[in-house]
Amino acid sequence: MSTENREKRLEAIRTGLRRGDKKHIARLAGVHPVWVSYVIMGRGVSERILTIAEQIIAERNQQN
């Protein structure tokens, strides 16, 4: 994935998340919430966390 696409993906995730979502993602992924924050801010790399975040955002958009 190119750097530009990665940044766009991260920005879309950051704008779509709400309060408490990082803890929810951490529970689903079985990791610490701090790691989720690192990944979402671009400091760490985890496809699993990004995919879970996108799924949560997509489910919320379908409900609205």
Protein backbone atom coordinates (compact mmCIF):
# COMPACT_ATOMS: atom_id res chain seq x y z
CA MET A 1 0.00 0.00 0.00
CA SER A 2 1.38 3.39 -0.91
CA THR A 3 2.03 6.00 1.74
CA GLU A 4 -0.65 8.28 0.29
CA ASN A 5 -3.32 5.56 0.38
CA ARG A 6 -2.28 4.57 3.91
CA GLU A 7 -2.65 8.16 5.12
CA LYS A 8 -6.07 8.48 3.49
CA ARG A 9 -7.17 5.21 5.10
CA LEU A 10 -5.93 6.29 8.54
CA GLU A 11 -7.60 9.70 8.20
CA ALA A 12 -10.92 8.07 7.27
CA ILE A 13 -10.67 5.82 10.31
CA ARG A 14 -9.73 8.69 12.64
CA THR A 15 -12.69 10.78 11.53
CA GLY A 16 -15.12 7.85 11.71
CA LEU A 17 -14.31 6.68 15.22
CA ARG A 18 -16.25 7.79 18.26
CA ARG A 19 -15.60 7.83 21.97
CA GLY A 20 -14.99 4.34 23.30
CA ASP A 21 -14.30 2.79 19.90
CA LYS A 22 -10.59 2.29 20.58
CA LYS A 23 -11.34 0.21 23.66
CA HIS A 24 -13.93 -1.76 21.70
CA ILE A 25 -11.41 -2.42 18.91
CA ALA A 26 -8.82 -3.49 21.50
CA ARG A 27 -11.24 -5.99 23.04
CA LEU A 28 -12.13 -7.46 19.64
CA ALA A 29 -8.47 -7.70 18.57
CA GLY A 30 -7.21 -8.93 21.94
CA VAL A 31 -4.65 -6.15 22.30
CA HIS A 32 -4.05 -3.19 24.62
CA PRO A 33 -5.93 0.06 23.83
CA VAL A 34 -2.62 1.94 23.66
CA TRP A 35 -1.54 -0.25 20.74
CA VAL A 36 -4.80 0.60 18.95
CA SER A 37 -4.04 4.30 19.43
CA TYR A 38 -0.52 3.86 18.05
CA VAL A 39 -1.82 2.09 14.95
CA ILE A 40 -4.57 4.64 14.31
CA MET A 41 -2.12 7.51 14.71
CA GLY A 42 0.26 5.86 12.22
CA ARG A 43 3.01 4.92 14.68
CA GLY A 44 2.36 1.17 14.48
CA VAL A 45 1.25 -1.24 11.79
CA SER A 46 -1.57 -3.76 12.22
CA GLU A 47 -3.85 -4.70 9.37
CA ARG A 48 -6.14 -6.54 11.81
CA ILE A 49 -6.79 -3.40 13.87
CA LEU A 50 -7.42 -1.26 10.80
CA THR A 51 -9.84 -3.83 9.40
CA ILE A 52 -11.77 -4.05 12.68
CA ALA A 53 -11.96 -0.25 12.85
CA GLU A 54 -13.30 -0.06 9.30
CA GLN A 55 -15.90 -2.74 10.08
CA ILE A 56 -17.13 -0.83 13.13
CA ILE A 57 -17.44 2.38 11.11
CA ALA A 58 -19.23 0.57 8.24
CA GLU A 59 -21.71 -1.08 10.61
CA ARG A 60 -22.46 2.25 12.25
CA ASN A 61 -23.02 3.90 8.85
CA GLN A 62 -25.44 1.14 7.83
CA GLN A 63 -27.49 1.67 10.98
CA ASN A 64 -27.83 5.41 10.35
